[in-house]
Amino acid sequence: MSESIARNPPAESKAELRKRLLQARLDTQAQGVADTSLAGYLSEALGRFAPHTVGFYWPLAGEFDARTIVGKWLEGDARRQAALPVVAMKGHALQFHAWTPASPMRIGAHRIPEPEQALVVLPDLLLVPCVGFDDDGYRLGYGGGYYDRTLAAWPGVARPVTVGIGYEACRASLPRELHDIPLDALVTDAGLFERPRTLETS
């Protein structure tokens, strides 16, 4: 290795960064400690933002499982709704179909479960899973761009409040692209961070 490369190692590619953060996420979840704290801060976020309809996600490997928290939130008021994302057409914006803990499920695109009944709803708050995130609220996902396309094409004037869900072990310096949209808040095992640009924490 040349002396110049030793002093200035090559920048980590997005693929390498994603691989490293996915492993960090799996390791954190396997330790079995962070989920309890994250669940508490997520409950706090739902109380603070007081949404009517929450869009969230079916958990993949390493992702925090929000189903129990969302299910308890639904029990608190019969007027509340929850929904899961559905890939109606690959490469296009997501739809959100109504979900309850009793909803029959089927396997959808990318082999991710989705509600069997296709009742489309429009969330006013989205819980967005993060492979990684930075101090300014930018998120690294799986590379499909579904959430960016969905928010860019959101019907009406007001977009939903976006709350990223991730572990502190996955906070990192991220590359950014022009189409990237920062999250409105972050929920991690360390706290609820609103207005991520100023890192206001509860």
Protein backbone atom coordinates (compact mmCIF):
# COMPACT_ATOMS: atom_id res chain seq x y z
CA MET A 1 0.00 0.00 0.00
CA SER A 2 1.35 3.43 -0.91
CA GLU A 3 1.95 6.05 1.76
CA SER A 4 -0.72 8.36 0.26
CA ILE A 5 -3.38 5.63 0.36
CA ALA A 6 -2.44 4.77 3.95
CA ARG A 7 -2.96 8.43 4.95
CA ASN A 8 -6.15 8.80 2.89
CA PRO A 9 -7.97 5.46 2.73
CA PRO A 10 -10.62 5.11 0.00
CA ALA A 11 -14.10 6.29 0.96
CA GLU A 12 -16.48 3.53 1.98
CA SER A 13 -18.93 2.76 -0.84
CA LYS A 14 -22.66 2.91 -0.18
CA ALA A 15 -22.85 -0.88 -0.61
CA GLU A 16 -20.04 -1.41 1.92
CA LEU A 17 -21.66 1.06 4.33
CA ARG A 18 -25.03 -0.67 4.01
CA LYS A 19 -23.43 -4.08 4.65
CA ARG A 20 -21.61 -2.79 7.74
CA LEU A 21 -24.71 -1.12 9.18
CA LEU A 22 -26.93 -4.12 8.50
CA GLN A 23 -24.49 -6.23 10.53
CA ALA A 24 -24.39 -3.61 13.31
CA ARG A 25 -28.19 -3.68 13.40
CA LEU A 26 -28.29 -7.47 13.65
CA ASP A 27 -25.66 -7.44 16.40
CA THR A 28 -27.55 -4.80 18.40
CA GLN A 29 -30.83 -6.66 18.19
CA ALA A 30 -29.17 -9.94 19.13
CA GLN A 31 -27.91 -8.38 22.38
CA GLY A 32 -31.57 -8.05 23.42
CA VAL A 33 -31.20 -4.75 25.31
CA ALA A 34 -31.97 -1.90 22.90
CA ASP A 35 -35.52 -2.91 21.97
CA THR A 36 -36.97 -2.13 25.40
CA SER A 37 -35.68 1.45 25.33
CA LEU A 38 -36.67 1.96 21.73
CA ALA A 39 -40.21 0.73 22.43
CA GLY A 40 -40.60 3.30 25.19
CA TYR A 41 -39.44 6.17 22.99
CA LEU A 42 -41.69 5.01 20.15
CA SER A 43 -44.70 5.09 22.47
CA GLU A 44 -43.65 8.59 23.46
CA ALA A 45 -43.47 9.62 19.80
CA LEU A 46 -46.98 8.35 19.09
CA GLY A 47 -48.26 10.35 22.04
CA ARG A 48 -46.40 13.49 21.03
CA PHE A 49 -47.37 13.53 17.35
CA ALA A 50 -50.92 12.22 18.03
CA PRO A 51 -51.58 10.83 14.53
CA HIS A 52 -54.89 9.49 13.30
CA THR A 53 -53.41 6.92 10.91
CA VAL A 54 -49.95 5.37 11.32
CA GLY A 55 -48.15 3.75 8.43
CA PHE A 56 -45.43 1.41 9.61
CA TYR A 57 -43.64 -1.72 8.33
CA TRP A 58 -43.52 -5.47 8.63
CA PRO A 59 -40.15 -6.16 10.35
CA LEU A 60 -37.34 -7.73 8.36
CA ALA A 61 -34.23 -9.28 9.89
CA GLY A 62 -32.68 -6.87 12.37
CA GLU A 63 -35.48 -4.30 12.21
CA PHE A 64 -37.24 -3.23 15.38
CA ASP A 65 -40.65 -4.92 15.53
CA ALA A 66 -43.20 -2.13 16.03
CA ARG A 67 -46.30 -4.33 15.78
CA THR A 68 -46.90 -4.65 19.53
CA ILE A 69 -46.55 -0.89 20.12
CA VAL A 70 -48.81 -0.03 17.18
CA GLY A 71 -51.34 -2.65 18.29
CA LYS A 72 -51.52 -1.14 21.79
CA TRP A 73 -51.82 2.32 20.26
CA LEU A 74 -54.81 1.14 18.21
CA GLU A 75 -56.52 -0.15 21.36
CA GLY A 76 -56.44 3.33 22.87
CA ASP A 77 -58.98 4.83 20.45
CA ALA A 78 -61.38 3.08 18.06
CA ARG A 79 -60.96 5.91 15.54
CA ARG A 80 -57.27 5.20 15.05
CA GLN A 81 -55.95 3.30 12.05
CA ALA A 82 -52.71 1.57 11.16
CA ALA A 83 -51.45 0.52 7.76
CA LEU A 84 -48.63 -1.46 6.16
CA PRO A 85 -46.84 -0.56 2.92
CA VAL A 86 -47.67 -2.51 -0.20
CA VAL A 87 -45.67 -2.56 -3.43
CA ALA A 88 -48.51 -2.39 -5.95
CA MET A 89 -46.00 -2.01 -8.79
CA LYS A 90 -42.23 -2.39 -8.50
CA GLY A 91 -40.37 0.89 -8.91
CA HIS A 92 -43.45 2.99 -8.08
CA ALA A 93 -44.78 4.70 -4.96
CA LEU A 94 -46.02 2.54 -2.10
CA GLN A 95 -49.66 2.08 -1.18
CA PHE A 96 -50.71 1.68 2.45
CA HIS A 97 -53.32 -0.95 3.33
CA ALA A 98 -55.21 -0.98 6.62
CA TRP A 99 -53.85 -3.36 9.28
CA THR A 100 -54.84 -4.61 12.72
CA PRO A 101 -53.22 -7.39 14.77
CA ALA A 102 -56.07 -9.66 13.59
CA SER A 103 -55.65 -8.90 9.88
CA PRO A 104 -55.18 -11.94 7.61
CA MET A 105 -51.86 -11.60 5.78
CA ARG A 106 -50.47 -12.76 2.46
CA ILE A 107 -46.98 -12.73 0.97
CA GLY A 108 -46.42 -9.71 -1.25
CA ALA A 109 -43.57 -8.23 -3.27
CA HIS A 110 -40.04 -9.02 -2.05
CA ARG A 111 -41.67 -11.82 0.01
CA ILE A 112 -42.85 -9.32 2.64
CA PRO A 113 -46.23 -9.97 4.30
CA GLU A 114 -49.02 -7.51 3.54
CA PRO A 115 -52.71 -7.29 4.53
CA GLU A 116 -54.88 -9.65 2.53
CA GLN A 117 -57.68 -7.09 2.37
CA ALA A 118 -56.63 -4.22 0.10
CA LEU A 119 -58.22 -1.32 1.98
CA VAL A 120 -56.13 1.72 0.99
CA VAL A 121 -55.65 4.42 3.66
CA LEU A 122 -53.53 7.57 3.79
CA PRO A 123 -51.30 7.79 6.89
CA ASP A 124 -50.55 11.11 8.53
CA LEU A 125 -47.48 9.62 10.23
CA LEU A 126 -44.99 7.14 8.79
CA LEU A 127 -42.64 4.96 10.82
CA VAL A 128 -39.73 4.37 8.47
CA PRO A 129 -37.17 1.60 9.11
CA CYS A 130 -33.54 2.69 8.84
CA VAL A 131 -30.51 0.66 7.89
CA GLY A 132 -28.59 3.76 8.94
CA PHE A 133 -29.21 7.43 9.65
CA ASP A 134 -27.21 10.57 10.33
CA ASP A 135 -27.41 13.53 12.69
CA ASP A 136 -29.41 15.58 10.19
CA GLY A 137 -32.15 13.01 9.81
CA TYR A 138 -31.07 11.54 6.49
CA ARG A 139 -31.67 7.82 6.13
CA LEU A 140 -29.97 4.90 4.44
CA GLY A 141 -32.41 2.21 3.31
CA TYR A 142 -32.09 -0.90 1.20
CA GLY A 143 -31.52 1.00 -2.02
CA GLY A 144 -34.94 0.53 -3.62
CA GLY A 145 -35.95 4.19 -3.23
CA TYR A 146 -39.55 3.33 -2.36
CA TYR A 147 -39.97 5.82 0.47
CA ASP A 148 -38.39 8.69 -1.49
CA ARG A 149 -40.71 8.03 -4.44
CA THR A 150 -43.71 7.67 -2.14
CA LEU A 151 -43.11 10.98 -0.36
CA ALA A 152 -42.35 12.81 -3.62
CA ALA A 153 -45.66 11.59 -5.08
CA TRP A 154 -47.74 12.05 -1.90
CA PRO A 155 -51.28 13.21 -2.72
CA GLY A 156 -52.43 16.56 -1.38
CA VAL A 157 -50.42 19.41 0.09
CA ALA A 158 -49.31 18.06 3.46
CA ARG A 159 -46.93 15.11 3.55
CA PRO A 160 -47.06 12.79 6.58
CA VAL A 161 -44.74 13.23 9.54
CA THR A 162 -41.83 10.85 8.98
CA VAL A 163 -40.24 9.14 11.98
CA GLY A 164 -37.17 7.00 11.35
CA ILE A 165 -36.75 3.88 13.49
CA GLY A 166 -33.23 2.59 14.12
CA TYR A 167 -30.58 1.65 16.63
CA GLU A 168 -27.92 4.12 17.80
CA ALA A 169 -25.29 1.67 16.59
CA CYS A 170 -26.42 2.56 13.06
CA ARG A 171 -25.94 6.33 13.38
CA ALA A 172 -23.29 7.18 10.77
CA SER A 173 -22.04 9.76 8.29
CA LEU A 174 -24.07 9.11 5.14
CA PRO A 175 -23.67 10.08 1.50
CA ARG A 176 -26.56 12.18 0.17
CA GLU A 177 -28.25 12.57 -3.17
CA LEU A 178 -30.41 15.44 -4.47
CA HIS A 179 -33.64 13.45 -4.17
CA ASP A 180 -33.04 12.43 -0.52
CA ILE A 181 -35.64 13.78 1.91
CA PRO A 182 -34.67 14.13 5.60
CA LEU A 183 -36.85 12.59 8.27
CA ASP A 184 -38.89 14.79 10.62
CA ALA A 185 -37.78 12.82 13.67
CA LEU A 186 -35.78 9.80 14.76
CA VAL A 187 -36.60 7.19 17.38
CA THR A 188 -33.66 5.14 18.62
CA ASP A 189 -32.75 3.25 21.77
CA ALA A 190 -31.21 6.54 22.99
CA GLY A 191 -34.23 8.80 22.61
CA LEU A 192 -36.79 10.62 20.51
CA PHE A 193 -35.02 13.21 18.37
CA GLU A 194 -37.29 15.81 16.83
CA ARG A 195 -36.15 18.28 14.20
CA PRO A 196 -33.01 16.22 13.63
CA ARG A 197 -31.03 19.17 12.24
CA THR A 198 -30.85 20.61 15.76
CA LEU A 199 -30.94 17.23 17.52
CA GLU A 200 -33.54 18.29 20.04
CA THR A 201 -34.01 15.31 22.31
CA SER A 202 -36.65 14.46 24.87
